[in-house]
């Protein structure tokens, strides 16, 4: 029953997520949002024509499905918090696919809310959340500096959000899976001629979707299983 209720709640949440994606991926949206600084950027097939709308609604369609899973695996309060995290991660997935953008309006409040939840929710692991946020944030910041634009600061902030939300060791698992999946897909896109060696590719979807998978299986720092 809980899974069904969360699925139904996920329908308006999906609509809201799609509208947020539309707003945050608009060309004139917040100029302070971090976009990839790679030397070259090819317009990808799904970024033109009807592609952005398909990405927006396709990603939004995942919201009720993932919320139903959360409702079936967590207590009601935990499931609501996990659902909010899932929506945030899916919004970052879509905006990066469409505009190479990870919105600060999602990551900054998300980090804060994840840490607040780790303080107040039962059986939460605040220490693990803080450690994971610090460790993965530092690691991804170093990667961003070394890659010279191959990895954007938006991806760094997303990694911090994932660390703060998932804690240890779940954040490690999510980011390892995300990096691995990104490497495989980028290699395939390069071999297929879709992208060149120094061209930007959306990285946030791999991190975000891996985090969604891990949190629904392993739990979060604020909602342990």
N, C-alpha and C. Protein backbone atom coordinates (compact mmCIF):
# COMPACT_ATOMS: atom_id res chain seq x y z
N UNK A 1 0.82 -1.21 0.00
CA UNK A 1 0.00 0.00 0.00
C UNK A 1 0.86 1.26 0.00
N UNK A 2 1.94 1.25 0.81
CA UNK A 2 2.81 2.42 0.88
C UNK A 2 3.45 2.70 -0.48
N UNK A 3 3.84 1.63 -1.16
CA UNK A 3 4.46 1.82 -2.48
C UNK A 3 3.48 2.46 -3.45
N UNK A 4 2.22 2.03 -3.41
CA UNK A 4 1.20 2.60 -4.29
C UNK A 4 0.96 4.06 -3.97
N UNK A 5 0.89 4.40 -2.69
CA UNK A 5 0.67 5.78 -2.29
C UNK A 5 1.81 6.67 -2.76
N UNK A 6 3.03 6.19 -2.61
CA UNK A 6 4.18 6.98 -3.05
C UNK A 6 4.23 7.09 -4.57
N UNK A 7 3.79 6.05 -5.26
CA UNK A 7 3.72 6.14 -6.72
C UNK A 7 2.75 7.24 -7.12
N UNK A 8 1.58 7.27 -6.49
CA UNK A 8 0.58 8.29 -6.82
C UNK A 8 1.10 9.68 -6.47
N UNK A 9 1.77 9.79 -5.33
CA UNK A 9 2.37 11.08 -4.96
C UNK A 9 3.46 11.48 -5.95
N UNK A 10 4.07 10.48 -6.57
CA UNK A 10 5.13 10.75 -7.52
C UNK A 10 4.65 11.34 -8.83
N UNK A 11 3.37 11.23 -9.14
CA UNK A 11 2.85 11.78 -10.40
C UNK A 11 2.93 13.31 -10.42
N UNK A 12 2.38 14.00 -9.42
CA UNK A 12 2.58 15.46 -9.40
C UNK A 12 4.04 15.84 -9.17
N UNK A 13 4.77 15.01 -8.43
CA UNK A 13 6.19 15.29 -8.22
C UNK A 13 6.95 15.23 -9.54
N UNK A 14 6.55 14.30 -10.42
CA UNK A 14 7.18 14.20 -11.74
C UNK A 14 6.92 15.45 -12.56
N UNK A 15 5.70 15.95 -12.50
CA UNK A 15 5.36 17.18 -13.23
C UNK A 15 6.19 18.35 -12.71
N UNK A 16 6.31 18.45 -11.38
CA UNK A 16 7.12 19.51 -10.78
C UNK A 16 8.58 19.38 -11.19
N UNK A 17 9.09 18.14 -11.19
CA UNK A 17 10.48 17.91 -11.60
C UNK A 17 10.70 18.36 -13.03
N UNK A 18 9.76 18.04 -13.92
CA UNK A 18 9.89 18.44 -15.32
C UNK A 18 9.91 19.95 -15.47
N UNK A 19 9.10 20.64 -14.69
CA UNK A 19 9.08 22.10 -14.76
C UNK A 19 10.37 22.69 -14.21
N UNK A 20 10.90 22.09 -13.16
CA UNK A 20 12.18 22.57 -12.62
C UNK A 20 13.30 22.37 -13.64
N UNK A 21 13.29 21.24 -14.31
CA UNK A 21 14.30 20.98 -15.34
C UNK A 21 14.18 22.02 -16.44
N UNK A 22 12.95 22.29 -16.87
CA UNK A 22 12.75 23.29 -17.92
C UNK A 22 13.30 24.65 -17.50
N UNK A 23 13.05 25.00 -16.26
CA UNK A 23 13.53 26.30 -15.77
C UNK A 23 15.05 26.33 -15.67
N UNK A 24 15.63 25.29 -15.06
CA UNK A 24 17.06 25.31 -14.80
C UNK A 24 17.92 25.04 -16.03
N UNK A 25 17.29 24.53 -17.09
CA UNK A 25 18.05 24.28 -18.31
C UNK A 25 17.82 25.34 -19.37
N UNK A 26 17.09 26.40 -19.01
CA UNK A 26 16.87 27.49 -19.94
C UNK A 26 18.20 28.21 -20.21
N UNK A 27 18.42 28.69 -21.44
CA UNK A 27 19.70 29.32 -21.77
C UNK A 27 20.06 30.51 -20.90
N UNK A 28 19.07 31.26 -20.45
CA UNK A 28 19.34 32.46 -19.67
C UNK A 28 19.19 32.21 -18.17
N UNK A 29 19.15 30.93 -17.77
CA UNK A 29 19.03 30.61 -16.35
C UNK A 29 20.29 31.03 -15.64
N UNK A 30 20.27 31.06 -14.31
CA UNK A 30 21.33 31.57 -13.43
C UNK A 30 22.72 31.45 -14.03
N UNK A 31 23.38 32.57 -14.37
CA UNK A 31 24.71 32.49 -14.96
C UNK A 31 25.76 32.00 -14.00
N UNK A 32 25.46 31.96 -12.70
CA UNK A 32 26.43 31.46 -11.74
C UNK A 32 26.44 29.95 -11.65
N UNK A 33 25.44 29.29 -12.26
CA UNK A 33 25.45 27.84 -12.28
C UNK A 33 26.67 27.35 -13.05
N UNK A 34 27.25 26.24 -12.56
CA UNK A 34 28.47 25.75 -13.17
C UNK A 34 28.16 24.88 -14.36
N UNK A 35 28.79 25.19 -15.49
CA UNK A 35 28.71 24.36 -16.68
C UNK A 35 30.12 23.90 -17.01
N UNK A 36 30.22 22.82 -17.75
CA UNK A 36 31.54 22.31 -18.10
C UNK A 36 32.35 23.37 -18.82
N UNK A 37 33.66 23.42 -18.52
CA UNK A 37 34.55 24.38 -19.13
C UNK A 37 35.51 23.70 -20.09
N UNK A 38 35.07 22.62 -20.73
CA UNK A 38 35.93 21.89 -21.64
C UNK A 38 36.28 22.78 -22.84
N UNK A 39 37.47 22.58 -23.45
CA UNK A 39 37.89 23.40 -24.57
C UNK A 39 36.93 23.34 -25.76
N UNK A 40 36.27 22.24 -25.96
CA UNK A 40 35.35 22.12 -27.09
C UNK A 40 34.09 21.43 -26.62
N UNK A 41 32.97 21.82 -27.23
CA UNK A 41 31.70 21.20 -26.85
C UNK A 41 30.84 21.05 -28.08
N UNK A 42 30.55 19.83 -28.43
CA UNK A 42 29.67 19.57 -29.56
C UNK A 42 28.24 19.48 -29.05
N UNK A 43 27.32 20.03 -29.83
CA UNK A 43 25.90 19.88 -29.49
C UNK A 43 25.54 18.43 -29.68
N UNK A 44 25.06 17.81 -28.63
CA UNK A 44 24.75 16.39 -28.68
C UNK A 44 23.36 16.17 -29.27
N UNK A 45 23.11 14.98 -29.82
CA UNK A 45 21.85 14.75 -30.54
C UNK A 45 20.60 15.06 -29.74
N UNK A 46 20.61 14.80 -28.46
CA UNK A 46 19.40 14.99 -27.65
C UNK A 46 19.28 16.43 -27.13
N UNK A 47 20.19 17.32 -27.53
CA UNK A 47 20.14 18.71 -27.06
C UNK A 47 19.50 19.65 -28.08
N UNK A 48 19.01 19.14 -29.18
CA UNK A 48 18.42 19.98 -30.21
C UNK A 48 17.01 19.48 -30.56
N UNK A 49 16.24 20.35 -31.19
CA UNK A 49 14.91 19.96 -31.63
C UNK A 49 14.01 19.56 -30.47
N UNK A 50 13.38 18.41 -30.60
CA UNK A 50 12.50 17.91 -29.55
C UNK A 50 13.26 17.13 -28.48
N UNK A 51 14.58 17.00 -28.65
CA UNK A 51 15.39 16.23 -27.72
C UNK A 51 15.28 16.68 -26.27
N UNK A 52 15.44 17.99 -25.98
CA UNK A 52 15.34 18.42 -24.58
C UNK A 52 14.02 18.07 -23.91
N UNK A 53 12.90 18.22 -24.65
CA UNK A 53 11.60 17.87 -24.06
C UNK A 53 11.51 16.38 -23.78
N UNK A 54 12.05 15.56 -24.67
CA UNK A 54 12.03 14.12 -24.44
C UNK A 54 12.88 13.73 -23.25
N UNK A 55 14.04 14.36 -23.13
CA UNK A 55 14.89 14.10 -21.96
C UNK A 55 14.17 14.53 -20.68
N UNK A 56 13.59 15.72 -20.72
CA UNK A 56 12.92 16.27 -19.54
C UNK A 56 11.82 15.36 -19.05
N UNK A 57 10.93 14.96 -19.95
CA UNK A 57 9.79 14.13 -19.53
C UNK A 57 10.19 12.68 -19.32
N UNK A 58 11.21 12.22 -20.06
CA UNK A 58 11.68 10.86 -19.84
C UNK A 58 12.29 10.68 -18.46
N UNK A 59 13.10 11.64 -18.04
CA UNK A 59 13.68 11.57 -16.70
C UNK A 59 12.60 11.77 -15.64
N UNK A 60 11.68 12.70 -15.88
CA UNK A 60 10.60 12.94 -14.92
C UNK A 60 9.74 11.69 -14.73
N UNK A 61 9.59 10.89 -15.78
CA UNK A 61 8.77 9.68 -15.68
C UNK A 61 9.36 8.67 -14.69
N UNK A 62 10.64 8.81 -14.39
CA UNK A 62 11.26 7.90 -13.42
C UNK A 62 10.88 8.23 -11.98
N UNK A 63 10.41 9.47 -11.76
CA UNK A 63 10.14 9.92 -10.38
C UNK A 63 9.13 9.02 -9.67
N UNK A 64 7.91 8.78 -10.22
CA UNK A 64 6.96 7.93 -9.48
C UNK A 64 7.45 6.50 -9.29
N UNK A 65 8.21 5.99 -10.24
CA UNK A 65 8.73 4.62 -10.12
C UNK A 65 9.69 4.53 -8.93
N UNK A 66 10.64 5.45 -8.87
CA UNK A 66 11.62 5.44 -7.78
C UNK A 66 10.96 5.77 -6.44
N UNK A 67 9.96 6.65 -6.47
CA UNK A 67 9.27 6.96 -5.22
C UNK A 67 8.49 5.75 -4.71
N UNK A 68 7.93 4.96 -5.61
CA UNK A 68 7.23 3.74 -5.21
C UNK A 68 8.20 2.77 -4.55
N UNK A 69 9.40 2.65 -5.13
CA UNK A 69 10.41 1.78 -4.52
C UNK A 69 10.78 2.28 -3.12
N UNK A 70 10.95 3.60 -3.00
CA UNK A 70 11.27 4.17 -1.69
C UNK A 70 10.16 3.90 -0.69
N UNK A 71 8.90 4.06 -1.13
CA UNK A 71 7.78 3.81 -0.24
C UNK A 71 7.71 2.37 0.23
N UNK A 72 8.16 1.45 -0.60
CA UNK A 72 8.13 0.05 -0.22
C UNK A 72 9.28 -0.39 0.65
N UNK A 73 10.38 0.39 0.66
CA UNK A 73 11.59 -0.04 1.37
C UNK A 73 11.85 0.73 2.66
N UNK A 74 11.28 1.93 2.80
CA UNK A 74 11.56 2.77 3.95
C UNK A 74 10.28 3.06 4.73
N UNK A 75 10.46 3.49 5.97
CA UNK A 75 9.34 4.03 6.73
C UNK A 75 8.85 5.31 6.04
N UNK A 76 7.64 5.73 6.39
CA UNK A 76 7.02 6.84 5.66
C UNK A 76 7.89 8.10 5.68
N UNK A 77 8.37 8.49 6.85
CA UNK A 77 9.19 9.70 6.94
C UNK A 77 10.48 9.56 6.17
N UNK A 78 11.13 8.42 6.30
CA UNK A 78 12.36 8.18 5.55
C UNK A 78 12.10 8.16 4.05
N UNK A 79 11.00 7.51 3.66
CA UNK A 79 10.67 7.42 2.23
C UNK A 79 10.43 8.80 1.64
N UNK A 80 9.80 9.70 2.40
CA UNK A 80 9.57 11.06 1.92
C UNK A 80 10.90 11.78 1.71
N UNK A 81 11.82 11.63 2.67
CA UNK A 81 13.13 12.28 2.55
C UNK A 81 13.92 11.70 1.38
N UNK A 82 13.88 10.38 1.24
CA UNK A 82 14.58 9.74 0.13
C UNK A 82 13.98 10.18 -1.20
N UNK A 83 12.67 10.30 -1.26
CA UNK A 83 12.01 10.74 -2.49
C UNK A 83 12.46 12.14 -2.88
N UNK A 84 12.60 13.02 -1.89
CA UNK A 84 13.08 14.38 -2.17
C UNK A 84 14.49 14.34 -2.75
N UNK A 85 15.33 13.49 -2.18
CA UNK A 85 16.69 13.33 -2.70
C UNK A 85 16.67 12.80 -4.13
N UNK A 86 15.82 11.81 -4.39
CA UNK A 86 15.72 11.23 -5.73
C UNK A 86 15.30 12.29 -6.75
N UNK A 87 14.32 13.11 -6.40
CA UNK A 87 13.88 14.16 -7.31
C UNK A 87 15.03 15.12 -7.61
N UNK A 88 15.77 15.51 -6.58
CA UNK A 88 16.90 16.41 -6.77
C UNK A 88 17.94 15.81 -7.71
N UNK A 89 18.25 14.54 -7.53
CA UNK A 89 19.25 13.88 -8.36
C UNK A 89 18.76 13.74 -9.81
N UNK A 90 17.49 13.47 -9.99
CA UNK A 90 16.95 13.36 -11.35
C UNK A 90 16.91 14.71 -12.05
N UNK A 91 16.63 15.77 -11.32
CA UNK A 91 16.66 17.11 -11.92
C UNK A 91 18.07 17.43 -12.41
N UNK A 92 19.08 17.11 -11.59
CA UNK A 92 20.47 17.33 -12.00
C UNK A 92 20.83 16.47 -13.21
N UNK A 93 20.30 15.27 -13.25
CA UNK A 93 20.54 14.40 -14.41
C UNK A 93 20.04 15.05 -15.69
N UNK A 94 18.81 15.53 -15.67
CA UNK A 94 18.21 16.09 -16.88
C UNK A 94 18.85 17.41 -17.29
N UNK A 95 19.11 18.30 -16.33
CA UNK A 95 19.69 19.59 -16.70
C UNK A 95 21.09 19.42 -17.27
N UNK A 96 21.84 18.46 -16.78
CA UNK A 96 23.18 18.25 -17.33
C UNK A 96 23.11 17.64 -18.72
N UNK A 97 22.18 16.74 -18.94
CA UNK A 97 22.00 16.17 -20.27
C UNK A 97 21.60 17.23 -21.28
N UNK A 98 20.76 18.16 -20.87
CA UNK A 98 20.23 19.16 -21.79
C UNK A 98 21.17 20.35 -21.98
N UNK A 99 21.78 20.81 -20.88
CA UNK A 99 22.50 22.08 -20.93
C UNK A 99 23.90 22.01 -20.32
N UNK A 100 24.42 20.82 -20.01
CA UNK A 100 25.71 20.72 -19.33
C UNK A 100 25.70 21.56 -18.06
N UNK A 101 24.63 21.48 -17.31
CA UNK A 101 24.47 22.34 -16.13
C UNK A 101 23.97 21.53 -14.95
N UNK A 102 24.62 21.74 -13.79
CA UNK A 102 24.15 21.18 -12.52
C UNK A 102 23.76 22.38 -11.66
N UNK A 103 22.47 22.63 -11.47
CA UNK A 103 22.04 23.89 -10.85
C UNK A 103 22.40 24.01 -9.38
N UNK A 104 22.98 25.16 -9.03
CA UNK A 104 23.27 25.46 -7.63
C UNK A 104 21.99 25.48 -6.79
N UNK A 105 20.89 25.85 -7.42
CA UNK A 105 19.61 25.92 -6.71
C UNK A 105 19.14 24.55 -6.24
N UNK A 106 19.75 23.49 -6.75
CA UNK A 106 19.45 22.14 -6.30
C UNK A 106 20.54 21.63 -5.35
N UNK A 107 21.80 21.80 -5.73
CA UNK A 107 22.88 21.19 -4.94
C UNK A 107 23.07 21.86 -3.58
N UNK A 108 23.05 23.19 -3.53
CA UNK A 108 23.28 23.87 -2.26
C UNK A 108 22.20 23.53 -1.21
N UNK A 109 20.91 23.72 -1.54
CA UNK A 109 19.90 23.33 -0.56
C UNK A 109 19.92 21.83 -0.27
N UNK A 110 20.24 21.03 -1.30
CA UNK A 110 20.28 19.58 -1.09
C UNK A 110 21.32 19.16 -0.08
N UNK A 111 22.51 19.75 -0.16
CA UNK A 111 23.57 19.44 0.81
C UNK A 111 23.11 19.83 2.21
N UNK A 112 22.56 21.02 2.34
CA UNK A 112 22.10 21.49 3.66
C UNK A 112 21.01 20.59 4.22
N UNK A 113 20.01 20.27 3.40
CA UNK A 113 18.90 19.43 3.87
C UNK A 113 19.37 18.02 4.23
N UNK A 114 20.32 17.48 3.47
CA UNK A 114 20.83 16.15 3.78
C UNK A 114 21.51 16.13 5.15
N UNK A 115 22.28 17.17 5.44
CA UNK A 115 22.97 17.23 6.73
C UNK A 115 21.98 17.48 7.87
N UNK A 116 20.99 18.33 7.63
CA UNK A 116 19.97 18.57 8.66
C UNK A 116 19.21 17.28 8.94
N UNK A 117 18.87 16.53 7.88
CA UNK A 117 18.18 15.25 8.08
C UNK A 117 19.04 14.28 8.87
N UNK A 118 20.36 14.31 8.63
CA UNK A 118 21.26 13.42 9.35
C UNK A 118 21.35 13.79 10.83
N UNK A 119 21.00 15.03 11.17
CA UNK A 119 20.99 15.46 12.57
C UNK A 119 19.72 14.99 13.28
N UNK A 120 18.59 15.13 12.61
CA UNK A 120 17.32 14.97 13.30
C UNK A 120 16.60 13.65 13.06
N UNK A 121 16.89 12.95 11.99
CA UNK A 121 16.14 11.74 11.73
C UNK A 121 16.66 10.57 12.56
N UNK A 122 15.79 9.66 12.96
CA UNK A 122 16.20 8.53 13.82
C UNK A 122 17.25 7.66 13.16
N UNK A 123 18.26 7.25 13.96
CA UNK A 123 19.30 6.32 13.54
C UNK A 123 20.17 6.87 12.40
N UNK A 124 20.13 8.17 12.17
CA UNK A 124 20.94 8.75 11.10
C UNK A 124 22.40 8.79 11.50
N UNK A 125 23.26 8.93 10.51
CA UNK A 125 24.71 8.90 10.72
C UNK A 125 25.30 10.24 10.28
N UNK A 126 25.29 11.22 11.17
CA UNK A 126 25.80 12.54 10.83
C UNK A 126 27.30 12.50 10.57
N UNK A 127 28.04 11.77 11.39
CA UNK A 127 29.49 11.69 11.21
C UNK A 127 29.84 11.13 9.83
N UNK A 128 29.16 10.06 9.45
CA UNK A 128 29.41 9.47 8.13
C UNK A 128 29.07 10.42 7.01
N UNK A 129 27.98 11.19 7.19
CA UNK A 129 27.57 12.15 6.17
C UNK A 129 28.61 13.25 6.00
N UNK A 130 29.10 13.78 7.11
CA UNK A 130 30.11 14.84 7.05
C UNK A 130 31.42 14.33 6.45
N UNK A 131 31.85 13.16 6.87
CA UNK A 131 33.09 12.60 6.35
C UNK A 131 32.99 12.33 4.85
N UNK A 132 31.88 11.72 4.44
CA UNK A 132 31.72 11.41 3.03
C UNK A 132 31.69 12.68 2.19
N UNK A 133 30.97 13.71 2.66
CA UNK A 133 30.90 14.97 1.92
C UNK A 133 32.28 15.58 1.77
N UNK A 134 33.07 15.56 2.85
CA UNK A 134 34.41 16.15 2.81
C UNK A 134 35.34 15.35 1.92
N UNK A 135 35.31 14.04 2.05
CA UNK A 135 36.26 13.20 1.30
C UNK A 135 35.95 13.22 -0.19
N UNK A 136 34.71 12.96 -0.55
CA UNK A 136 34.40 12.90 -1.99
C UNK A 136 34.45 14.29 -2.61
N UNK A 137 34.11 15.33 -1.83
CA UNK A 137 34.22 16.68 -2.36
C UNK A 137 35.66 17.03 -2.69
N UNK A 138 36.57 16.70 -1.79
CA UNK A 138 37.99 16.96 -2.03
C UNK A 138 38.50 16.17 -3.23
N UNK A 139 38.11 14.90 -3.29
CA UNK A 139 38.57 14.04 -4.38
C UNK A 139 38.10 14.57 -5.74
N UNK A 140 36.83 14.94 -5.83
CA UNK A 140 36.30 15.42 -7.11
C UNK A 140 36.81 16.81 -7.44
N UNK A 141 37.12 17.63 -6.44
CA UNK A 141 37.71 18.94 -6.71
C UNK A 141 39.10 18.78 -7.33
N UNK A 142 39.87 17.85 -6.79
CA UNK A 142 41.19 17.57 -7.37
C UNK A 142 41.05 17.07 -8.80
N UNK A 143 40.08 16.17 -9.03
CA UNK A 143 39.85 15.68 -10.39
C UNK A 143 39.46 16.82 -11.33
N UNK A 144 38.63 17.74 -10.85
CA UNK A 144 38.20 18.85 -11.70
C UNK A 144 39.38 19.74 -12.06
N UNK A 145 40.26 19.97 -11.11
CA UNK A 145 41.43 20.81 -11.39
C UNK A 145 42.39 20.10 -12.35
N UNK A 146 42.58 18.81 -12.17
CA UNK A 146 43.50 18.07 -13.03
C UNK A 146 42.94 17.90 -14.44
N UNK A 147 41.63 17.79 -14.55
CA UNK A 147 41.02 17.55 -15.87
C UNK A 147 40.92 18.81 -16.71
N UNK A 148 41.16 20.00 -16.11
CA UNK A 148 41.13 21.27 -16.83
C UNK A 148 39.83 21.47 -17.60
N UNK A 149 38.74 21.26 -16.90
CA UNK A 149 37.43 21.48 -17.51
C UNK A 149 36.71 20.22 -17.92
N UNK A 150 37.41 19.08 -17.91
CA UNK A 150 36.74 17.84 -18.25
C UNK A 150 35.67 17.47 -17.23
N UNK A 151 35.88 17.93 -16.00
CA UNK A 151 34.91 17.73 -14.92
C UNK A 151 34.60 19.11 -14.36
N UNK A 152 33.32 19.47 -14.32
CA UNK A 152 32.93 20.80 -13.89
C UNK A 152 32.74 20.91 -12.39
N UNK A 153 32.72 22.15 -11.90
CA UNK A 153 32.50 22.37 -10.48
C UNK A 153 31.08 21.96 -10.07
N UNK A 154 30.16 21.99 -11.02
CA UNK A 154 28.82 21.49 -10.72
C UNK A 154 28.85 20.02 -10.36
N UNK A 155 29.71 19.25 -11.04
CA UNK A 155 29.87 17.83 -10.72
C UNK A 155 30.46 17.66 -9.33
N UNK A 156 31.36 18.56 -8.95
CA UNK A 156 31.97 18.51 -7.61
C UNK A 156 30.89 18.72 -6.55
N UNK A 157 30.05 19.71 -6.76
CA UNK A 157 28.97 19.99 -5.79
C UNK A 157 27.98 18.84 -5.73
N UNK A 158 27.72 18.24 -6.88
CA UNK A 158 26.83 17.07 -6.89
C UNK A 158 27.45 15.92 -6.09
N UNK A 159 28.77 15.72 -6.24
CA UNK A 159 29.44 14.67 -5.47
C UNK A 159 29.35 14.95 -3.98
N UNK A 160 29.46 16.22 -3.58
CA UNK A 160 29.33 16.57 -2.16
C UNK A 160 27.92 16.25 -1.68
N UNK A 161 26.91 16.58 -2.50
CA UNK A 161 25.53 16.25 -2.14
C UNK A 161 25.36 14.74 -1.96
N UNK A 162 25.91 13.97 -2.87
CA UNK A 162 25.81 12.51 -2.76
C UNK A 162 26.51 12.01 -1.50
N UNK A 163 27.68 12.57 -1.20
CA UNK A 163 28.38 12.18 0.02
C UNK A 163 27.58 12.51 1.26
N UNK A 164 27.03 13.74 1.32
CA UNK A 164 26.26 14.16 2.49
C UNK A 164 25.00 13.34 2.67
N UNK A 165 24.39 12.93 1.57
CA UNK A 165 23.13 12.19 1.64
C UNK A 165 23.33 10.71 1.93
N UNK A 166 24.34 10.11 1.32
CA UNK A 166 24.52 8.66 1.43
C UNK A 166 25.43 8.26 2.58
N UNK A 167 26.40 9.10 2.93
CA UNK A 167 27.34 8.74 3.99
C UNK A 167 28.30 7.66 3.55
N UNK A 168 28.97 7.08 4.52
CA UNK A 168 29.96 6.03 4.26
C UNK A 168 29.38 4.67 4.65
N UNK A 169 29.67 3.62 3.87
CA UNK A 169 30.45 3.58 2.63
C UNK A 169 29.60 3.73 1.36
N UNK A 170 28.30 4.01 1.52
CA UNK A 170 27.41 4.01 0.36
C UNK A 170 27.83 5.05 -0.67
N UNK A 171 28.34 6.21 -0.22
CA UNK A 171 28.77 7.23 -1.19
C UNK A 171 29.91 6.71 -2.05
N UNK A 172 30.84 5.97 -1.43
CA UNK A 172 31.93 5.38 -2.20
C UNK A 172 31.38 4.46 -3.29
N UNK A 173 30.44 3.63 -2.91
CA UNK A 173 29.86 2.67 -3.86
C UNK A 173 29.18 3.40 -5.01
N UNK A 174 28.39 4.43 -4.68
CA UNK A 174 27.66 5.16 -5.72
C UNK A 174 28.62 5.86 -6.68
N UNK A 175 29.62 6.53 -6.14
CA UNK A 175 30.53 7.28 -6.99
C UNK A 175 31.43 6.34 -7.79
N UNK A 176 31.80 5.21 -7.22
CA UNK A 176 32.58 4.24 -7.99
C UNK A 176 31.77 3.73 -9.17
N UNK A 177 30.51 3.37 -8.92
CA UNK A 177 29.64 2.90 -10.00
C UNK A 177 29.43 3.99 -11.05
N UNK A 178 29.25 5.22 -10.59
CA UNK A 178 29.03 6.32 -11.52
C UNK A 178 30.23 6.59 -12.40
N UNK A 179 31.41 6.60 -11.80
CA UNK A 179 32.64 6.84 -12.56
C UNK A 179 32.88 5.69 -13.55
N UNK A 180 32.64 4.47 -13.10
CA UNK A 180 32.82 3.31 -13.97
C UNK A 180 31.87 3.37 -15.16
N UNK A 181 30.61 3.63 -14.89
CA UNK A 181 29.62 3.71 -15.97
C UNK A 181 29.95 4.85 -16.93
N UNK A 182 30.39 5.98 -16.39
CA UNK A 182 30.75 7.12 -17.24
C UNK A 182 31.91 6.76 -18.16
N UNK A 183 32.90 6.08 -17.62
CA UNK A 183 34.05 5.69 -18.43
C UNK A 183 33.66 4.79 -19.59
N UNK A 184 32.80 3.81 -19.31
CA UNK A 184 32.38 2.87 -20.35
C UNK A 184 31.57 3.59 -21.42
N UNK A 185 30.60 4.41 -21.01
CA UNK A 185 29.74 5.10 -21.97
C UNK A 185 30.54 6.11 -22.79
N UNK A 186 31.42 6.84 -22.15
CA UNK A 186 32.23 7.82 -22.88
C UNK A 186 33.14 7.15 -23.90
N UNK A 187 33.67 6.00 -23.54
CA UNK A 187 34.50 5.26 -24.50
C UNK A 187 33.67 4.83 -25.70
N UNK A 188 32.46 4.34 -25.45
CA UNK A 188 31.59 3.92 -26.54
C UNK A 188 31.21 5.11 -27.42
N UNK A 189 30.91 6.26 -26.81
CA UNK A 189 30.56 7.45 -27.59
C UNK A 189 31.75 7.92 -28.42
N UNK A 190 32.95 7.82 -27.86
CA UNK A 190 34.15 8.21 -28.60
C UNK A 190 34.39 7.28 -29.79
N UNK A 191 34.25 5.98 -29.55
CA UNK A 191 34.45 5.02 -30.63
C UNK A 191 33.41 5.16 -31.72
N UNK A 192 32.19 5.58 -31.33
CA UNK A 192 31.12 5.76 -32.30
C UNK A 192 31.20 7.10 -33.02
N UNK A 193 32.13 7.96 -32.60
CA UNK A 193 32.29 9.26 -33.24
C UNK A 193 31.30 10.30 -32.79
N UNK A 194 30.57 10.02 -31.72
CA UNK A 194 29.58 11.00 -31.23
C UNK A 194 30.29 12.16 -30.56
N UNK A 195 31.37 11.88 -29.83
CA UNK A 195 32.15 12.93 -29.16
C UNK A 195 33.62 12.73 -29.50
N UNK A 196 34.37 13.83 -29.40
CA UNK A 196 35.81 13.77 -29.62
C UNK A 196 36.56 13.62 -28.31
N UNK A 197 37.87 13.57 -28.43
CA UNK A 197 38.71 13.30 -27.26
C UNK A 197 38.62 14.38 -26.19
N UNK A 198 38.49 15.64 -26.58
CA UNK A 198 38.46 16.73 -25.62
C UNK A 198 37.09 17.41 -25.54
N UNK A 199 36.07 16.74 -25.97
CA UNK A 199 34.74 17.33 -25.95
C UNK A 199 34.01 16.96 -24.67
N UNK A 200 33.21 17.91 -24.21
CA UNK A 200 32.47 17.72 -22.97
C UNK A 200 31.35 16.70 -23.15
N UNK A 201 31.17 15.90 -22.13
CA UNK A 201 30.07 14.93 -22.07
C UNK A 201 29.41 15.10 -20.70
N UNK A 202 28.08 15.14 -20.64
CA UNK A 202 27.42 15.25 -19.33
C UNK A 202 27.87 14.14 -18.38
N UNK A 203 28.38 14.54 -17.22
CA UNK A 203 28.92 13.58 -16.26
C UNK A 203 27.96 13.35 -15.09
N UNK A 204 27.18 14.37 -14.77
CA UNK A 204 26.29 14.27 -13.61
C UNK A 204 25.29 13.13 -13.70
N UNK A 205 24.74 12.79 -14.88
CA UNK A 205 23.76 11.69 -14.90
C UNK A 205 24.32 10.38 -14.37
N UNK A 206 25.58 10.09 -14.64
CA UNK A 206 26.17 8.84 -14.17
C UNK A 206 26.27 8.83 -12.64
N UNK A 207 26.73 9.94 -12.08
CA UNK A 207 26.85 10.03 -10.62
C UNK A 207 25.48 10.00 -9.96
N UNK A 208 24.54 10.76 -10.52
CA UNK A 208 23.22 10.88 -9.90
C UNK A 208 22.44 9.58 -9.95
N UNK A 209 22.42 8.92 -11.11
CA UNK A 209 21.65 7.68 -11.24
C UNK A 209 22.28 6.55 -10.44
N UNK A 210 23.61 6.53 -10.35
CA UNK A 210 24.26 5.54 -9.50
C UNK A 210 23.89 5.77 -8.04
N UNK A 211 23.82 7.04 -7.64
CA UNK A 211 23.44 7.36 -6.27
C UNK A 211 22.00 6.93 -5.98
N UNK A 212 21.10 7.15 -6.94
CA UNK A 212 19.71 6.73 -6.76
C UNK A 212 19.65 5.22 -6.56
N UNK A 213 20.38 4.47 -7.39
CA UNK A 213 20.37 3.01 -7.28
C UNK A 213 20.89 2.56 -5.92
N UNK A 214 21.99 3.15 -5.48
CA UNK A 214 22.59 2.73 -4.20
C UNK A 214 21.70 3.10 -3.03
N UNK A 215 21.11 4.30 -3.04
CA UNK A 215 20.29 4.70 -1.90
C UNK A 215 19.03 3.83 -1.78
N UNK A 216 18.49 3.40 -2.90
CA UNK A 216 17.29 2.55 -2.84
C UNK A 216 17.61 1.13 -2.40
N UNK A 217 18.87 0.73 -2.57
CA UNK A 217 19.27 -0.62 -2.16
C UNK A 217 19.91 -0.61 -0.76
N UNK A 218 20.79 0.37 -0.53
CA UNK A 218 21.59 0.38 0.69
C UNK A 218 21.06 1.34 1.76
N UNK A 219 20.25 2.30 1.35
CA UNK A 219 19.81 3.32 2.29
C UNK A 219 20.69 4.54 2.23
N UNK A 220 20.35 5.54 3.05
CA UNK A 220 21.08 6.81 3.08
C UNK A 220 21.59 7.07 4.49
N UNK A 221 22.45 8.08 4.62
CA UNK A 221 22.96 8.42 5.95
C UNK A 221 21.82 8.82 6.87
N UNK A 222 20.79 9.47 6.32
CA UNK A 222 19.65 9.90 7.14
C UNK A 222 18.52 8.88 7.15
N UNK A 223 18.64 7.80 6.37
CA UNK A 223 17.61 6.78 6.30
C UNK A 223 18.25 5.41 6.10
N UNK A 224 18.90 4.90 7.14
CA UNK A 224 19.60 3.61 6.99
C UNK A 224 18.61 2.45 6.88
N UNK A 225 19.00 1.43 6.16
CA UNK A 225 18.20 0.20 6.03
C UNK A 225 18.80 -0.91 6.89
